Amino acid sequence: MLWFTVWTVLVLATLAGAFLVGRRVWRSGVALAHELGRAGDVAAQLSQRAAELEDQARAAHVAQRPALGADAEELGARVEQLRAVRRVQRARRRERHRSTVADAATRWLG
């Protein structure tokens, strides 16, 4: 009679544990499906936004042709213009980097 009670308790405990594990797996699966659906929506939005930005970049792009035989002063002005744009971009990049480092330092070091 003792072994019958021991085995009954073991079987019931196993069934209860299996129920709890199964319930957790089910809830995790439902949550995963929900997040995958949300990720799909975000990916669609990202794809749409990337297409918009690509169209804007194509519209703003000015085709550069070879400048062989062009006026030297005109070419020099173009080089200075490109250098000025690079300086502005470099300054923006430097400022973004500094703000990122400051934010990280504040977050990590207090």
N, C-alpha and C. Protein backbone atom coordinates (compact mmCIF):
# COMPACT_ATOMS: atom_id res chain seq x y z
N MET A 1 0.81 -1.19 0.00
CA MET A 1 0.00 0.00 0.00
C MET A 1 0.87 1.27 0.00
N LEU A 2 2.01 1.22 0.64
CA LEU A 2 2.90 2.37 0.69
C LEU A 2 3.41 2.74 -0.71
N TRP A 3 3.79 1.71 -1.51
CA TRP A 3 4.30 2.00 -2.85
C TRP A 3 3.21 2.59 -3.74
N PHE A 4 1.99 2.17 -3.57
CA PHE A 4 0.87 2.71 -4.35
C PHE A 4 0.73 4.21 -4.06
N THR A 5 0.85 4.60 -2.83
CA THR A 5 0.74 6.02 -2.45
C THR A 5 1.92 6.81 -3.00
N VAL A 6 3.12 6.25 -2.90
CA VAL A 6 4.31 6.94 -3.42
C VAL A 6 4.18 7.16 -4.92
N TRP A 7 3.80 6.11 -5.65
CA TRP A 7 3.68 6.23 -7.11
C TRP A 7 2.54 7.17 -7.49
N THR A 8 1.48 7.16 -6.76
CA THR A 8 0.37 8.08 -7.04
C THR A 8 0.82 9.52 -6.87
N VAL A 9 1.52 9.80 -5.79
CA VAL A 9 2.03 11.17 -5.56
C VAL A 9 3.02 11.56 -6.65
N LEU A 10 3.89 10.64 -7.04
CA LEU A 10 4.86 10.94 -8.10
C LEU A 10 4.17 11.23 -9.44
N VAL A 11 3.20 10.44 -9.77
CA VAL A 11 2.48 10.64 -11.04
C VAL A 11 1.72 11.95 -11.02
N LEU A 12 1.03 12.25 -9.92
CA LEU A 12 0.28 13.51 -9.83
C LEU A 12 1.23 14.71 -9.87
N ALA A 13 2.35 14.61 -9.19
CA ALA A 13 3.33 15.71 -9.21
C ALA A 13 3.89 15.89 -10.62
N THR A 14 4.13 14.79 -11.33
CA THR A 14 4.63 14.88 -12.70
C THR A 14 3.59 15.52 -13.61
N LEU A 15 2.33 15.12 -13.46
CA LEU A 15 1.27 15.72 -14.27
C LEU A 15 1.11 17.21 -13.97
N ALA A 16 1.19 17.59 -12.70
CA ALA A 16 1.09 19.00 -12.33
C ALA A 16 2.26 19.80 -12.92
N GLY A 17 3.46 19.23 -12.83
CA GLY A 17 4.64 19.91 -13.40
C GLY A 17 4.53 20.02 -14.90
N ALA A 18 4.05 18.95 -15.55
CA ALA A 18 3.89 18.99 -17.00
C ALA A 18 2.85 20.04 -17.39
N PHE A 19 1.77 20.16 -16.60
CA PHE A 19 0.76 21.17 -16.88
C PHE A 19 1.36 22.57 -16.78
N LEU A 20 2.14 22.83 -15.73
CA LEU A 20 2.73 24.15 -15.55
C LEU A 20 3.73 24.47 -16.66
N VAL A 21 4.56 23.50 -17.02
CA VAL A 21 5.52 23.73 -18.11
C VAL A 21 4.79 23.94 -19.42
N GLY A 22 3.77 23.14 -19.69
CA GLY A 22 2.99 23.29 -20.93
C GLY A 22 2.31 24.64 -21.01
N ARG A 23 1.75 25.09 -19.88
CA ARG A 23 1.09 26.40 -19.86
C ARG A 23 2.09 27.52 -20.15
N ARG A 24 3.28 27.41 -19.56
CA ARG A 24 4.29 28.44 -19.81
C ARG A 24 4.75 28.43 -21.26
N VAL A 25 4.94 27.24 -21.82
CA VAL A 25 5.35 27.14 -23.23
C VAL A 25 4.26 27.72 -24.12
N TRP A 26 2.99 27.43 -23.82
CA TRP A 26 1.88 27.95 -24.61
C TRP A 26 1.86 29.49 -24.56
N ARG A 27 1.99 30.04 -23.37
CA ARG A 27 1.97 31.51 -23.23
C ARG A 27 3.17 32.14 -23.92
N SER A 28 4.32 31.50 -23.83
CA SER A 28 5.50 32.02 -24.52
C SER A 28 5.31 31.96 -26.03
N GLY A 29 4.69 30.89 -26.53
CA GLY A 29 4.43 30.78 -27.96
C GLY A 29 3.47 31.84 -28.44
N VAL A 30 2.43 32.11 -27.67
CA VAL A 30 1.47 33.16 -28.03
C VAL A 30 2.16 34.52 -28.03
N ALA A 31 2.98 34.78 -27.02
CA ALA A 31 3.71 36.06 -26.96
C ALA A 31 4.68 36.17 -28.13
N LEU A 32 5.34 35.07 -28.49
CA LEU A 32 6.26 35.08 -29.64
C LEU A 32 5.51 35.39 -30.92
N ALA A 33 4.35 34.78 -31.10
CA ALA A 33 3.56 35.04 -32.31
C ALA A 33 3.13 36.50 -32.37
N HIS A 34 2.76 37.04 -31.23
CA HIS A 34 2.37 38.46 -31.18
C HIS A 34 3.55 39.36 -31.57
N GLU A 35 4.72 39.09 -31.01
CA GLU A 35 5.91 39.89 -31.32
C GLU A 35 6.34 39.73 -32.77
N LEU A 36 6.20 38.52 -33.32
CA LEU A 36 6.54 38.32 -34.72
C LEU A 36 5.61 39.11 -35.63
N GLY A 37 4.34 39.17 -35.28
CA GLY A 37 3.40 39.99 -36.05
C GLY A 37 3.77 41.47 -35.98
N ARG A 38 4.12 41.92 -34.79
CA ARG A 38 4.54 43.31 -34.62
C ARG A 38 5.82 43.60 -35.38
N ALA A 39 6.76 42.64 -35.35
CA ALA A 39 8.02 42.81 -36.09
C ALA A 39 7.76 42.88 -37.59
N GLY A 40 6.80 42.11 -38.07
CA GLY A 40 6.45 42.17 -39.48
C GLY A 40 5.90 43.53 -39.87
N ASP A 41 5.07 44.10 -39.00
CA ASP A 41 4.53 45.44 -39.26
C ASP A 41 5.64 46.48 -39.28
N VAL A 42 6.54 46.38 -38.33
CA VAL A 42 7.66 47.33 -38.26
C VAL A 42 8.57 47.17 -39.48
N ALA A 43 8.80 45.93 -39.91
CA ALA A 43 9.62 45.70 -41.10
C ALA A 43 8.96 46.29 -42.34
N ALA A 44 7.64 46.19 -42.44
CA ALA A 44 6.93 46.79 -43.57
C ALA A 44 7.05 48.31 -43.55
N GLN A 45 6.91 48.90 -42.37
CA GLN A 45 7.06 50.35 -42.25
C GLN A 45 8.49 50.78 -42.60
N LEU A 46 9.46 50.00 -42.14
CA LEU A 46 10.86 50.30 -42.43
C LEU A 46 11.13 50.22 -43.93
N SER A 47 10.59 49.21 -44.57
CA SER A 47 10.78 49.05 -46.00
C SER A 47 10.16 50.22 -46.76
N GLN A 48 8.98 50.63 -46.34
CA GLN A 48 8.32 51.75 -46.99
C GLN A 48 9.12 53.04 -46.79
N ARG A 49 9.58 53.26 -45.59
CA ARG A 49 10.37 54.48 -45.31
C ARG A 49 11.68 54.46 -46.08
N ALA A 50 12.32 53.30 -46.19
CA ALA A 50 13.57 53.20 -46.95
C ALA A 50 13.33 53.52 -48.42
N ALA A 51 12.21 53.05 -48.95
CA ALA A 51 11.88 53.35 -50.35
C ALA A 51 11.66 54.85 -50.55
N GLU A 52 10.97 55.47 -49.58
CA GLU A 52 10.76 56.93 -49.65
C GLU A 52 12.09 57.67 -49.62
N LEU A 53 12.95 57.28 -48.70
CA LEU A 53 14.25 57.96 -48.59
C LEU A 53 15.10 57.73 -49.83
N GLU A 54 15.02 56.54 -50.40
CA GLU A 54 15.77 56.27 -51.63
C GLU A 54 15.26 57.14 -52.77
N ASP A 55 13.94 57.31 -52.87
CA ASP A 55 13.37 58.17 -53.90
C ASP A 55 13.82 59.62 -53.69
N GLN A 56 13.84 60.06 -52.44
CA GLN A 56 14.28 61.43 -52.16
C GLN A 56 15.75 61.61 -52.52
N ALA A 57 16.57 60.60 -52.20
CA ALA A 57 18.00 60.69 -52.51
C ALA A 57 18.22 60.70 -54.02
N ARG A 58 17.45 59.88 -54.74
CA ARG A 58 17.59 59.88 -56.20
C ARG A 58 17.17 61.22 -56.79
N ALA A 59 16.11 61.82 -56.23
CA ALA A 59 15.65 63.11 -56.74
C ALA A 59 16.65 64.22 -56.44
N ALA A 60 17.33 64.14 -55.30
CA ALA A 60 18.28 65.18 -54.90
C ALA A 60 19.65 65.00 -55.54
N HIS A 61 19.91 63.83 -56.08
CA HIS A 61 21.22 63.53 -56.63
C HIS A 61 21.43 64.28 -57.96
N VAL A 62 22.56 64.95 -58.06
CA VAL A 62 22.92 65.64 -59.28
C VAL A 62 24.00 64.82 -59.97
N ALA A 63 23.75 64.47 -61.19
CA ALA A 63 24.71 63.64 -61.93
C ALA A 63 25.97 64.45 -62.22
N GLN A 64 27.11 63.88 -61.92
CA GLN A 64 28.39 64.53 -62.17
C GLN A 64 29.01 63.93 -63.43
N ARG A 65 29.35 64.79 -64.33
CA ARG A 65 30.00 64.33 -65.55
C ARG A 65 31.49 64.62 -65.47
N PRO A 66 32.27 63.93 -66.25
CA PRO A 66 33.70 64.21 -66.25
C PRO A 66 33.96 65.67 -66.63
N ALA A 67 34.95 66.26 -65.96
CA ALA A 67 35.20 67.69 -66.13
C ALA A 67 36.45 67.94 -66.96
N LEU A 68 36.81 67.02 -67.81
CA LEU A 68 38.00 67.20 -68.62
C LEU A 68 37.82 68.38 -69.57
N GLY A 69 38.76 69.29 -69.53
CA GLY A 69 38.72 70.44 -70.43
C GLY A 69 37.86 71.57 -69.92
N ALA A 70 37.31 71.48 -68.71
CA ALA A 70 36.48 72.56 -68.17
C ALA A 70 37.37 73.67 -67.62
N ASP A 71 36.77 74.78 -67.31
CA ASP A 71 37.49 75.93 -66.79
C ASP A 71 38.08 75.60 -65.42
N ALA A 72 39.35 75.97 -65.22
CA ALA A 72 40.05 75.64 -63.98
C ALA A 72 39.43 76.36 -62.79
N GLU A 73 38.98 77.60 -62.96
CA GLU A 73 38.37 78.33 -61.86
C GLU A 73 37.04 77.70 -61.46
N GLU A 74 36.30 77.26 -62.45
CA GLU A 74 35.02 76.59 -62.16
C GLU A 74 35.26 75.30 -61.40
N LEU A 75 36.28 74.55 -61.82
CA LEU A 75 36.61 73.31 -61.13
C LEU A 75 37.09 73.58 -59.71
N GLY A 76 37.90 74.61 -59.53
CA GLY A 76 38.36 74.98 -58.20
C GLY A 76 37.22 75.37 -57.28
N ALA A 77 36.25 76.11 -57.83
CA ALA A 77 35.08 76.49 -57.03
C ALA A 77 34.29 75.25 -56.63
N ARG A 78 34.18 74.31 -57.55
CA ARG A 78 33.46 73.07 -57.24
C ARG A 78 34.18 72.28 -56.14
N VAL A 79 35.50 72.22 -56.20
CA VAL A 79 36.28 71.52 -55.17
C VAL A 79 36.08 72.20 -53.82
N GLU A 80 36.11 73.51 -53.79
CA GLU A 80 35.91 74.24 -52.53
C GLU A 80 34.50 74.01 -51.99
N GLN A 81 33.54 73.95 -52.89
CA GLN A 81 32.16 73.69 -52.47
C GLN A 81 32.06 72.30 -51.84
N LEU A 82 32.68 71.31 -52.47
CA LEU A 82 32.65 69.95 -51.94
C LEU A 82 33.39 69.86 -50.60
N ARG A 83 34.49 70.59 -50.48
CA ARG A 83 35.22 70.60 -49.21
C ARG A 83 34.39 71.23 -48.10
N ALA A 84 33.65 72.29 -48.43
CA ALA A 84 32.81 72.94 -47.43
C ALA A 84 31.71 71.99 -46.96
N VAL A 85 31.13 71.25 -47.91
CA VAL A 85 30.10 70.28 -47.53
C VAL A 85 30.69 69.21 -46.63
N ARG A 86 31.90 68.74 -46.96
CA ARG A 86 32.55 67.73 -46.13
C ARG A 86 32.86 68.26 -44.74
N ARG A 87 33.27 69.53 -44.65
CA ARG A 87 33.55 70.12 -43.33
C ARG A 87 32.28 70.18 -42.48
N VAL A 88 31.18 70.55 -43.09
CA VAL A 88 29.90 70.62 -42.36
C VAL A 88 29.50 69.22 -41.91
N GLN A 89 29.62 68.24 -42.80
CA GLN A 89 29.26 66.87 -42.43
C GLN A 89 30.17 66.35 -41.32
N ARG A 90 31.46 66.65 -41.39
CA ARG A 90 32.40 66.21 -40.37
C ARG A 90 32.05 66.84 -39.02
N ALA A 91 31.68 68.13 -39.03
CA ALA A 91 31.30 68.80 -37.78
C ALA A 91 30.04 68.18 -37.19
N ARG A 92 29.06 67.87 -38.05
CA ARG A 92 27.84 67.23 -37.56
C ARG A 92 28.14 65.86 -36.97
N ARG A 93 28.99 65.08 -37.66
CA ARG A 93 29.36 63.76 -37.17
C ARG A 93 30.07 63.87 -35.82
N ARG A 94 30.98 64.82 -35.71
CA ARG A 94 31.72 65.01 -34.47
C ARG A 94 30.77 65.38 -33.33
N GLU A 95 29.81 66.25 -33.60
CA GLU A 95 28.86 66.65 -32.57
C GLU A 95 27.97 65.48 -32.16
N ARG A 96 27.52 64.68 -33.12
CA ARG A 96 26.72 63.49 -32.78
C ARG A 96 27.53 62.52 -31.94
N HIS A 97 28.80 62.35 -32.31
CA HIS A 97 29.66 61.44 -31.55
C HIS A 97 29.84 61.95 -30.12
N ARG A 98 30.10 63.24 -29.97
CA ARG A 98 30.29 63.80 -28.64
C ARG A 98 29.03 63.66 -27.79
N SER A 99 27.86 63.90 -28.38
CA SER A 99 26.63 63.76 -27.61
C SER A 99 26.37 62.30 -27.23
N THR A 100 26.72 61.38 -28.12
CA THR A 100 26.55 59.96 -27.82
C THR A 100 27.47 59.55 -26.68
N VAL A 101 28.71 59.99 -26.72
CA VAL A 101 29.67 59.65 -25.67
C VAL A 101 29.24 60.28 -24.35
N ALA A 102 28.77 61.52 -24.40
CA ALA A 102 28.32 62.17 -23.16
C ALA A 102 27.11 61.45 -22.58
N ASP A 103 26.18 61.05 -23.45
CA ASP A 103 25.00 60.33 -22.99
C ASP A 103 25.39 58.99 -22.38
N ALA A 104 26.29 58.28 -23.03
CA ALA A 104 26.72 56.97 -22.51
C ALA A 104 27.47 57.15 -21.19
N ALA A 105 28.31 58.17 -21.11
CA ALA A 105 29.05 58.41 -19.87
C ALA A 105 28.10 58.74 -18.74
N THR A 106 27.08 59.53 -19.04
CA THR A 106 26.10 59.88 -18.01
C THR A 106 25.34 58.65 -17.56
N ARG A 107 24.97 57.82 -18.54
CA ARG A 107 24.19 56.62 -18.21
C ARG A 107 25.02 55.62 -17.41
N TRP A 108 26.27 55.42 -17.80
CA TRP A 108 27.09 54.38 -17.18
C TRP A 108 27.80 54.86 -15.93
N LEU A 109 28.25 56.09 -15.95
CA LEU A 109 29.07 56.55 -14.84
C LEU A 109 28.28 57.42 -13.85
N GLY A 110 27.09 57.83 -14.26
CA GLY A 110 26.23 58.58 -13.33
C GLY A 110 26.40 60.03 -13.38
